[in-house]
Amino acid sequence: MRTQAQRIIDHLATGRPLTAIDALKRFGCFRLAARILDLRNDGHRITSRVEKCGDKRFASYRLAG
């Protein structure tokens, strides 16, 4: 079975962004920021961007090309 980090990097490799709510729904990942940090520490270049929807703010992650 693939780890959450492996599934996250596979998703990011498609070019689509990933948010915490998407990660929770798709992978059961409650701590996306921690998995992103793990992936960055493994050498993956992942960018983050603060998105805004109404008065809510959240991070969106992408694999740097």
PDB file of N, CA and C in Angstrom:
ATOM      1  N   MET A   1       0.847  -1.186   0.000  1.00  0.00           N
ATOM      2  CA  MET A   1       0.000   0.000   0.000  1.00  0.00           C
ATOM      3  C   MET A   1       0.892   1.248   0.000  1.00  0.00           C
ATOM      4  N   ARG A   2       0.505   2.225  -0.815  1.00  0.00           N
ATOM      5  CA  ARG A   2       1.274   3.461  -0.891  1.00  0.00           C
ATOM      6  C   ARG A   2       0.989   4.354   0.314  1.00  0.00           C
ATOM      7  N   THR A   3       1.987   5.090   0.739  1.00  0.00           N
ATOM      8  CA  THR A   3       1.813   5.994   1.874  1.00  0.00           C
ATOM      9  C   THR A   3       1.055   7.239   1.424  1.00  0.00           C
ATOM     10  N   GLN A   4       0.587   8.010   2.410  1.00  0.00           N
ATOM     11  CA  GLN A   4      -0.078   9.275   2.093  1.00  0.00           C
ATOM     12  C   GLN A   4       0.859  10.167   1.293  1.00  0.00           C
ATOM     13  N   ALA A   5       2.115  10.233   1.695  1.00  0.00           N
ATOM     14  CA  ALA A   5       3.078  11.099   1.004  1.00  0.00           C
ATOM     15  C   ALA A   5       3.222  10.669  -0.453  1.00  0.00           C
ATOM     16  N   GLN A   6       3.266   9.376  -0.713  1.00  0.00           N
ATOM     17  CA  GLN A   6       3.379   8.898  -2.088  1.00  0.00           C
ATOM     18  C   GLN A   6       2.145   9.269  -2.900  1.00  0.00           C
ATOM     19  N   ARG A   7       0.982   9.120  -2.310  1.00  0.00           N
ATOM     20  CA  ARG A   7      -0.253   9.473  -3.019  1.00  0.00           C
ATOM     21  C   ARG A   7      -0.334  10.977  -3.257  1.00  0.00           C
ATOM     22  N   ILE A   8       0.143  11.765  -2.296  1.00  0.00           N
ATOM     23  CA  ILE A   8       0.139  13.227  -2.453  1.00  0.00           C
ATOM     24  C   ILE A   8       1.070  13.645  -3.570  1.00  0.00           C
ATOM     25  N   ILE A   9       2.286  13.105  -3.607  1.00  0.00           N
ATOM     26  CA  ILE A   9       3.229  13.492  -4.658  1.00  0.00           C
ATOM     27  C   ILE A   9       2.732  13.024  -6.022  1.00  0.00           C
ATOM     28  N   ASP A  10       2.086  11.871  -6.087  1.00  0.00           N
ATOM     29  CA  ASP A  10       1.500  11.413  -7.348  1.00  0.00           C
ATOM     30  C   ASP A  10       0.427  12.386  -7.828  1.00  0.00           C
ATOM     31  N   HIS A  11      -0.400  12.868  -6.907  1.00  0.00           N
ATOM     32  CA  HIS A  11      -1.435  13.846  -7.255  1.00  0.00           C
ATOM     33  C   HIS A  11      -0.794  15.146  -7.746  1.00  0.00           C
ATOM     34  N   LEU A  12       0.200  15.647  -7.022  1.00  0.00           N
ATOM     35  CA  LEU A  12       0.848  16.897  -7.404  1.00  0.00           C
ATOM     36  C   LEU A  12       1.549  16.762  -8.755  1.00  0.00           C
ATOM     37  N   ALA A  13       2.055  15.584  -9.059  1.00  0.00           N
ATOM     38  CA  ALA A  13       2.751  15.351 -10.328  1.00  0.00           C
ATOM     39  C   ALA A  13       1.821  15.498 -11.537  1.00  0.00           C
ATOM     40  N   THR A  14       0.516  15.421 -11.315  1.00  0.00           N
ATOM     41  CA  THR A  14      -0.445  15.610 -12.412  1.00  0.00           C
ATOM     42  C   THR A  14      -0.579  17.082 -12.787  1.00  0.00           C
ATOM     43  N   GLY A  15      -0.024  17.978 -11.960  1.00  0.00           N
ATOM     44  CA  GLY A  15      -0.111  19.407 -12.229  1.00  0.00           C
ATOM     45  C   GLY A  15      -1.280  20.087 -11.540  1.00  0.00           C
ATOM     46  N   ARG A  16      -2.102  19.290 -10.863  1.00  0.00           N
ATOM     47  CA  ARG A  16      -3.255  19.865 -10.169  1.00  0.00           C
ATOM     48  C   ARG A  16      -2.848  20.317  -8.767  1.00  0.00           C
ATOM     49  N   PRO A  17      -3.420  21.420  -8.280  1.00  0.00           N
ATOM     50  CA  PRO A  17      -3.117  21.865  -6.912  1.00  0.00           C
ATOM     51  C   PRO A  17      -3.804  20.958  -5.894  1.00  0.00           C
ATOM     52  N   LEU A  18      -3.352  21.074  -4.655  1.00  0.00           N
ATOM     53  CA  LEU A  18      -3.930  20.279  -3.574  1.00  0.00           C
ATOM     54  C   LEU A  18      -4.111  21.169  -2.353  1.00  0.00           C
ATOM     55  N   THR A  19      -5.294  21.116  -1.757  1.00  0.00           N
ATOM     56  CA  THR A  19      -5.582  21.842  -0.523  1.00  0.00           C
ATOM     57  C   THR A  19      -5.813  20.834   0.591  1.00  0.00           C
ATOM     58  N   ALA A  20      -5.851  21.313   1.812  1.00  0.00           N
ATOM     59  CA  ALA A  20      -6.034  20.427   2.962  1.00  0.00           C
ATOM     60  C   ALA A  20      -7.370  19.681   2.881  1.00  0.00           C
ATOM     61  N   ILE A  21      -8.420  20.357   2.461  1.00  0.00           N
ATOM     62  CA  ILE A  21      -9.722  19.690   2.391  1.00  0.00           C
ATOM     63  C   ILE A  21      -9.716  18.625   1.301  1.00  0.00           C
ATOM     64  N   ASP A  22      -9.025  18.895   0.182  1.00  0.00           N
ATOM     65  CA  ASP A  22      -8.893  17.891  -0.881  1.00  0.00           C
ATOM     66  C   ASP A  22      -8.117  16.673  -0.370  1.00  0.00           C
ATOM     67  N   ALA A  23      -7.028  16.929   0.364  1.00  0.00           N
ATOM     68  CA  ALA A  23      -6.204  15.836   0.893  1.00  0.00           C
ATOM     69  C   ALA A  23      -6.991  14.992   1.892  1.00  0.00           C
ATOM     70  N   LEU A  24      -7.812  15.633   2.686  1.00  0.00           N
ATOM     71  CA  LEU A  24      -8.633  14.898   3.646  1.00  0.00           C
ATOM     72  C   LEU A  24      -9.634  14.003   2.906  1.00  0.00           C
ATOM     73  N   LYS A  25     -10.293  14.554   1.907  1.00  0.00           N
ATOM     74  CA  LYS A  25     -11.292  13.798   1.151  1.00  0.00           C
ATOM     75  C   LYS A  25     -10.663  12.664   0.341  1.00  0.00           C
ATOM     76  N   ARG A  26      -9.546  12.948  -0.337  1.00  0.00           N
ATOM     77  CA  ARG A  26      -8.936  11.970  -1.241  1.00  0.00           C
ATOM     78  C   ARG A  26      -8.090  10.918  -0.535  1.00  0.00           C
ATOM     79  N   PHE A  27      -7.312  11.365   0.460  1.00  0.00           N
ATOM     80  CA  PHE A  27      -6.301  10.488   1.046  1.00  0.00           C
ATOM     81  C   PHE A  27      -6.477  10.233   2.536  1.00  0.00           C
ATOM     82  N   GLY A  28      -7.472  10.868   3.164  1.00  0.00           N
ATOM     83  CA  GLY A  28      -7.657  10.723   4.605  1.00  0.00           C
ATOM     84  C   GLY A  28      -6.535  11.383   5.389  1.00  0.00           C
ATOM     85  N   CYS A  29      -5.936  12.403   4.802  1.00  0.00           N
ATOM     86  CA  CYS A  29      -4.782  13.087   5.401  1.00  0.00           C
ATOM     87  C   CYS A  29      -5.262  14.314   6.171  1.00  0.00           C
ATOM     88  N   PHE A  30      -5.107  14.268   7.496  1.00  0.00           N
ATOM     89  CA  PHE A  30      -5.521  15.385   8.341  1.00  0.00           C
ATOM     90  C   PHE A  30      -4.441  16.462   8.455  1.00  0.00           C
ATOM     91  N   ARG A  31      -3.188  16.111   8.154  1.00  0.00           N
ATOM     92  CA  ARG A  31      -2.074  17.047   8.346  1.00  0.00           C
ATOM     93  C   ARG A  31      -1.290  17.217   7.050  1.00  0.00           C
ATOM     94  N   LEU A  32      -1.927  17.830   6.060  1.00  0.00           N
ATOM     95  CA  LEU A  32      -1.284  18.008   4.761  1.00  0.00           C
ATOM     96  C   LEU A  32       0.007  18.801   4.881  1.00  0.00           C
ATOM     97  N   ALA A  33       0.028  19.853   5.673  1.00  0.00           N
ATOM     98  CA  ALA A  33       1.240  20.670   5.796  1.00  0.00           C
ATOM     99  C   ALA A  33       2.426  19.839   6.292  1.00  0.00           C
ATOM    100  N   ALA A  34       2.179  18.899   7.178  1.00  0.00           N
ATOM    101  CA  ALA A  34       3.250  18.030   7.678  1.00  0.00           C
ATOM    102  C   ALA A  34       3.758  17.106   6.576  1.00  0.00           C
ATOM    103  N   ARG A  35       2.835  16.570   5.757  1.00  0.00           N
ATOM    104  CA  ARG A  35       3.252  15.705   4.653  1.00  0.00           C
ATOM    105  C   ARG A  35       4.016  16.504   3.607  1.00  0.00           C
ATOM    106  N   ILE A  36       3.593  17.750   3.353  1.00  0.00           N
ATOM    107  CA  ILE A  36       4.303  18.621   2.410  1.00  0.00           C
ATOM    108  C   ILE A  36       5.712  18.880   2.915  1.00  0.00           C
ATOM    109  N   LEU A  37       5.867  19.133   4.211  1.00  0.00           N
ATOM    110  CA  LEU A  37       7.191  19.337   4.784  1.00  0.00           C
ATOM    111  C   LEU A  37       8.059  18.088   4.602  1.00  0.00           C
ATOM    112  N   ASP A  38       7.492  16.918   4.849  1.00  0.00           N
ATOM    113  CA  ASP A  38       8.228  15.666   4.631  1.00  0.00           C
ATOM    114  C   ASP A  38       8.698  15.560   3.185  1.00  0.00           C
ATOM    115  N   LEU A  39       7.804  15.872   2.255  1.00  0.00           N
ATOM    116  CA  LEU A  39       8.148  15.782   0.834  1.00  0.00           C
ATOM    117  C   LEU A  39       9.217  16.801   0.460  1.00  0.00           C
ATOM    118  N   ARG A  40       9.121  18.005   1.005  1.00  0.00           N
ATOM    119  CA  ARG A  40      10.158  19.017   0.746  1.00  0.00           C
ATOM    120  C   ARG A  40      11.494  18.563   1.306  1.00  0.00           C
ATOM    121  N   ASN A  41      11.480  17.982   2.494  1.00  0.00           N
ATOM    122  CA  ASN A  41      12.713  17.475   3.094  1.00  0.00           C
ATOM    123  C   ASN A  41      13.316  16.334   2.292  1.00  0.00           C
ATOM    124  N   ASP A  42      12.478  15.628   1.531  1.00  0.00           N
ATOM    125  CA  ASP A  42      12.951  14.556   0.647  1.00  0.00           C
ATOM    126  C   ASP A  42      13.447  15.097  -0.692  1.00  0.00           C
ATOM    127  N   GLY A  43      13.378  16.419  -0.872  1.00  0.00           N
ATOM    128  CA  GLY A  43      13.924  17.036  -2.074  1.00  0.00           C
ATOM    129  C   GLY A  43      12.909  17.470  -3.125  1.00  0.00           C
ATOM    130  N   HIS A  44      11.636  17.278  -2.874  1.00  0.00           N
ATOM    131  CA  HIS A  44      10.618  17.701  -3.834  1.00  0.00           C
ATOM    132  C   HIS A  44      10.415  19.213  -3.728  1.00  0.00           C
ATOM    133  N   ARG A  45      10.336  19.867  -4.882  1.00  0.00           N
ATOM    134  CA  ARG A  45      10.120  21.313  -4.907  1.00  0.00           C
ATOM    135  C   ARG A  45       8.620  21.573  -4.996  1.00  0.00           C
ATOM    136  N   ILE A  46       8.032  21.942  -3.875  1.00  0.00           N
ATOM    137  CA  ILE A  46       6.590  22.179  -3.783  1.00  0.00           C
ATOM    138  C   ILE A  46       6.365  23.629  -3.381  1.00  0.00           C
ATOM    139  N   THR A  47       5.530  24.304  -4.152  1.00  0.00           N
ATOM    140  CA  THR A  47       5.215  25.695  -3.844  1.00  0.00           C
ATOM    141  C   THR A  47       3.874  25.760  -3.115  1.00  0.00           C
ATOM    142  N   SER A  48       3.712  26.801  -2.340  1.00  0.00           N
ATOM    143  CA  SER A  48       2.438  27.010  -1.651  1.00  0.00           C
ATOM    144  C   SER A  48       1.940  28.417  -1.971  1.00  0.00           C
ATOM    145  N   ARG A  49       0.644  28.527  -1.983  1.00  0.00           N
ATOM    146  CA  ARG A  49       0.006  29.812  -2.278  1.00  0.00           C
ATOM    147  C   ARG A  49      -1.204  29.944  -1.367  1.00  0.00           C
ATOM    148  N   VAL A  50      -1.384  31.118  -0.800  1.00  0.00           N
ATOM    149  CA  VAL A  50      -2.558  31.361   0.051  1.00  0.00           C
ATOM    150  C   VAL A  50      -3.719  31.750  -0.846  1.00  0.00           C
ATOM    151  N   GLU A  51      -4.788  30.976  -0.754  1.00  0.00           N
ATOM    152  CA  GLU A  51      -6.005  31.222  -1.515  1.00  0.00           C
ATOM    153  C   GLU A  51      -7.042  31.844  -0.579  1.00  0.00           C
ATOM    154  N   LYS A  52      -8.007  32.522  -1.157  1.00  0.00           N
ATOM    155  CA  LYS A  52      -9.046  33.138  -0.351  1.00  0.00           C
ATOM    156  C   LYS A  52     -10.400  32.831  -0.982  1.00  0.00           C
ATOM    157  N   CYS A  53     -11.333  32.409  -0.138  1.00  0.00           N
ATOM    158  CA  CYS A  53     -12.699  32.140  -0.582  1.00  0.00           C
ATOM    159  C   CYS A  53     -13.612  32.786   0.455  1.00  0.00           C
ATOM    160  N   GLY A  54     -14.203  33.898   0.081  1.00  0.00           N
ATOM    161  CA  GLY A  54     -14.979  34.660   1.063  1.00  0.00           C
ATOM    162  C   GLY A  54     -14.027  35.215   2.106  1.00  0.00           C
ATOM    163  N   ASP A  55     -14.314  34.947   3.370  1.00  0.00           N
ATOM    164  CA  ASP A  55     -13.414  35.403   4.428  1.00  0.00           C
ATOM    165  C   ASP A  55     -12.510  34.282   4.936  1.00  0.00           C
ATOM    166  N   LYS A  56     -12.479  33.162   4.237  1.00  0.00           N
ATOM    167  CA  LYS A  56     -11.624  32.026   4.612  1.00  0.00           C
ATOM    168  C   LYS A  56     -10.339  32.051   3.807  1.00  0.00           C
ATOM    169  N   ARG A  57      -9.237  31.673   4.444  1.00  0.00           N
ATOM    170  CA  ARG A  57      -7.940  31.550   3.778  1.00  0.00           C
ATOM    171  C   ARG A  57      -7.426  30.136   3.955  1.00  0.00           C
ATOM    172  N   PHE A  58      -6.751  29.634   2.922  1.00  0.00           N
ATOM    173  CA  PHE A  58      -6.198  28.285   2.986  1.00  0.00           C
ATOM    174  C   PHE A  58      -5.031  28.190   2.011  1.00  0.00           C
ATOM    175  N   ALA A  59      -4.167  27.225   2.255  1.00  0.00           N
ATOM    176  CA  ALA A  59      -3.000  27.024   1.405  1.00  0.00           C
ATOM    177  C   ALA A  59      -3.340  26.057   0.266  1.00  0.00           C
ATOM    178  N   SER A  60      -2.770  26.335  -0.873  1.00  0.00           N
ATOM    179  CA  SER A  60      -2.878  25.474  -2.042  1.00  0.00           C
ATOM    180  C   SER A  60      -1.448  25.110  -2.437  1.00  0.00           C
ATOM    181  N   TYR A  61      -1.187  23.835  -2.659  1.00  0.00           N
ATOM    182  CA  TYR A  61       0.159  23.349  -2.953  1.00  0.00           C
ATOM    183  C   TYR A  61       0.248  22.844  -4.379  1.00  0.00           C
ATOM    184  N   ARG A  62       1.405  23.084  -5.007  1.00  0.00           N
ATOM    185  CA  ARG A  62       1.688  22.588  -6.358  1.00  0.00           C
ATOM    186  C   ARG A  62       3.134  22.120  -6.417  1.00  0.00           C
ATOM    187  N   LEU A  63       3.382  21.211  -7.314  1.00  0.00           N
ATOM    188  CA  LEU A  63       4.744  20.763  -7.577  1.00  0.00           C
ATOM    189  C   LEU A  63       5.382  21.770  -8.515  1.00  0.00           C
ATOM    190  N   ALA A  64       6.541  22.306  -8.131  1.00  0.00           N
ATOM    191  CA  ALA A  64       7.234  23.294  -8.967  1.00  0.00           C
ATOM    192  C   ALA A  64       7.797  22.614 -10.208  1.00  0.00           C
ATOM    193  N   GLY A  65       7.642  23.259 -11.340  1.00  0.00           N
ATOM    194  CA  GLY A  65       8.052  22.649 -12.601  1.00  0.00           C
ATOM    195  C   GLY A  65       9.387  22.982 -13.043  1.00  0.00           C
TER     196      GLY A  65
END
